[in-house]
Amino acid sequence: MNLITSFSEKRRKKQWNYERRVLKSLSIADMRKDVHQHFMTTIYMDRVSNMYLEDFAVDIGIDAFLLGSEYGRFGYFGESADMAKSRCLDEIDIYIEQSAGQFAAWLHGSEEDEERYKQLSESFVHRWWEKGFNEGVKRYKMKLH
């Protein structure tokens, strides 16, 4: 008997393998340092909030990095980062809204604080998306995809 596999299952396995290989180039220590510099120096919070929100921001950063690396293939084939980013603006906006919403809900800030959380989240997500995009382009150039 032959084993029947679906196309979506095969694609999912291929994507997981690619993400695992890309994550090997990502330094979590660098991301945590960036989270501290980006969020924790401008927002005062207690120790529990700090730990929870740091982990949440790292998760969002990893997701943005993986999304950027996935779209790095378009950069390899000649698109600029802005053109490739326009393809996935919906996902990027979701990450920004999730991050800003989590900070606002956890810290109970005013409307001004919520706007600041959104700006910080936006710059953080875009920064890690671009790092992932550059990593994806590099991996495609080196034929590591």
Protein backbone atom coordinates (compact mmCIF):
# COMPACT_ATOMS: atom_id res chain seq x y z
CA MET A 1 0.00 0.00 0.00
CA ASN A 2 1.14 3.48 -0.76
CA LEU A 3 0.90 6.22 1.81
CA ILE A 4 -1.29 9.08 0.69
CA THR A 5 -0.27 12.54 1.86
CA SER A 6 -2.00 15.76 1.12
CA PHE A 7 -0.40 18.75 -0.51
CA SER A 8 -1.21 21.01 2.44
CA GLU A 9 0.47 18.60 4.88
CA LYS A 10 3.59 18.45 2.74
CA ARG A 11 3.66 22.26 2.42
CA ARG A 12 3.25 22.66 6.19
CA LYS A 13 6.18 20.30 6.86
CA LYS A 14 8.33 22.16 4.36
CA GLN A 15 7.46 25.48 6.00
CA TRP A 16 8.24 24.12 9.48
CA ASN A 17 11.62 22.86 8.32
CA TYR A 18 12.40 26.23 6.74
CA GLU A 19 11.37 28.08 9.91
CA ARG A 20 13.52 25.80 12.07
CA ARG A 21 16.53 26.47 9.87
CA VAL A 22 15.93 30.23 9.86
CA LEU A 23 15.48 30.34 13.63
CA LYS A 24 18.97 28.92 14.06
CA SER A 25 20.32 32.25 12.81
CA LEU A 26 18.19 34.25 15.27
CA SER A 27 19.71 35.22 18.59
CA ILE A 28 17.08 35.31 21.33
CA ALA A 29 19.53 37.17 23.59
CA ASP A 30 19.79 39.94 20.99
CA MET A 31 16.02 40.07 20.69
CA ARG A 32 15.57 40.26 24.48
CA LYS A 33 18.14 43.06 24.59
CA ASP A 34 16.26 44.88 21.85
CA VAL A 35 12.96 44.42 23.72
CA HIS A 36 14.52 45.93 26.84
CA GLN A 37 15.96 48.87 24.93
CA HIS A 38 12.80 49.42 22.95
CA PHE A 39 10.00 48.92 25.46
CA MET A 40 11.30 48.62 28.99
CA THR A 41 13.33 51.84 29.03
CA THR A 42 10.33 53.95 28.02
CA ILE A 43 7.56 52.19 29.96
CA TYR A 44 7.66 51.79 33.73
CA MET A 45 6.21 48.53 35.02
CA ASP A 46 6.56 46.12 37.90
CA ARG A 47 8.60 42.91 37.77
CA VAL A 48 5.74 40.54 36.87
CA SER A 49 4.51 42.81 34.09
CA ASN A 50 8.06 43.16 32.84
CA MET A 51 8.59 39.41 32.57
CA TYR A 52 5.21 38.73 30.96
CA LEU A 53 5.38 41.58 28.46
CA GLU A 54 9.01 40.81 27.61
CA ASP A 55 8.10 37.23 26.69
CA PHE A 56 5.09 38.44 24.72
CA ALA A 57 7.19 40.99 22.80
CA VAL A 58 9.81 38.33 22.03
CA ASP A 59 7.07 36.07 20.63
CA ILE A 60 5.79 38.89 18.42
CA GLY A 61 9.36 39.65 17.31
CA ILE A 62 9.95 36.02 16.38
CA ASP A 63 6.73 35.94 14.37
CA ALA A 64 7.69 39.16 12.56
CA PHE A 65 11.18 37.77 11.88
CA LEU A 66 9.76 34.56 10.42
CA LEU A 67 7.28 36.49 8.30
CA GLY A 68 10.06 38.69 6.96
CA SER A 69 12.28 35.73 6.18
CA GLU A 70 9.43 34.07 4.33
CA TYR A 71 9.04 37.16 2.14
CA GLY A 72 12.80 37.33 1.60
CA ARG A 73 12.41 35.23 -1.53
CA PHE A 74 10.71 38.20 -3.20
CA GLY A 75 13.75 40.31 -2.34
CA TYR A 76 15.99 37.68 -3.88
CA PHE A 77 13.99 37.87 -7.10
CA GLY A 78 14.37 41.66 -7.27
CA GLU A 79 11.64 43.27 -5.19
CA SER A 80 12.54 45.94 -2.69
CA ALA A 81 11.79 45.45 0.99
CA ASP A 82 8.96 47.99 0.79
CA MET A 83 7.30 46.19 -2.11
CA ALA A 84 7.55 42.86 -0.31
CA LYS A 85 6.30 44.43 2.91
CA SER A 86 3.23 45.75 1.09
CA ARG A 87 2.32 42.12 0.31
CA CYS A 88 2.03 41.25 3.99
CA LEU A 89 0.83 44.48 5.59
CA ASP A 90 -2.25 42.75 6.96
CA GLU A 91 -0.18 40.28 8.99
CA ILE A 92 2.17 43.04 10.15
CA ASP A 93 -0.80 45.16 11.26
CA ILE A 94 -2.16 42.20 13.21
CA TYR A 95 1.17 41.81 15.06
CA ILE A 96 1.25 45.54 15.82
CA GLU A 97 -2.33 45.55 17.11
CA GLN A 98 -1.74 42.44 19.22
CA SER A 99 1.37 43.89 20.80
CA ALA A 100 -0.08 47.34 21.44
CA GLY A 101 -3.31 45.84 22.74
CA GLN A 102 -1.47 43.56 25.13
CA PHE A 103 0.59 46.44 26.53
CA ALA A 104 -2.52 48.61 26.89
CA ALA A 105 -4.56 45.86 28.56
CA TRP A 106 -1.81 44.82 30.95
CA LEU A 107 -0.68 48.32 31.97
CA HIS A 108 -4.07 50.11 31.98
CA GLY A 109 -2.76 53.27 30.37
CA SER A 110 -4.52 56.35 29.07
CA GLU A 111 -5.28 56.99 25.42
CA GLU A 112 -1.96 58.80 25.05
CA ASP A 113 -0.19 55.77 26.49
CA GLU A 114 -2.05 53.47 24.08
CA GLU A 115 -0.88 55.58 21.15
CA ARG A 116 2.69 55.39 22.44
CA TYR A 117 2.41 51.59 22.82
CA LYS A 118 1.21 51.40 19.22
CA GLN A 119 4.14 53.50 17.95
CA LEU A 120 6.65 51.43 19.92
CA SER A 121 5.08 48.18 18.71
CA GLU A 122 5.03 49.40 15.13
CA SER A 123 8.71 50.28 15.06
CA PHE A 124 9.61 47.03 16.86
CA VAL A 125 7.64 44.81 14.46
CA HIS A 126 8.96 46.61 11.38
CA ARG A 127 12.54 46.35 12.63
CA TRP A 128 12.32 42.59 13.17
CA TRP A 129 10.43 42.06 9.91
CA GLU A 130 13.27 43.80 8.06
CA LYS A 131 15.90 41.72 9.87
CA GLY A 132 13.99 38.58 8.87
CA PHE A 133 13.64 39.85 5.30
CA ASN A 134 17.40 40.43 5.06
CA GLU A 135 18.06 36.99 6.51
CA GLY A 136 15.67 35.43 3.98
CA VAL A 137 17.36 37.22 1.08
CA LYS A 138 20.74 36.07 2.36
CA ARG A 139 19.56 32.47 2.68
CA TYR A 140 18.18 32.51 -0.88
CA LYS A 141 21.43 33.94 -2.21
CA MET A 142 23.36 31.18 -0.46
CA LYS A 143 20.85 28.56 -1.70
CA LEU A 144 19.89 27.59 1.86
CA HIS A 145 16.13 27.73 1.33
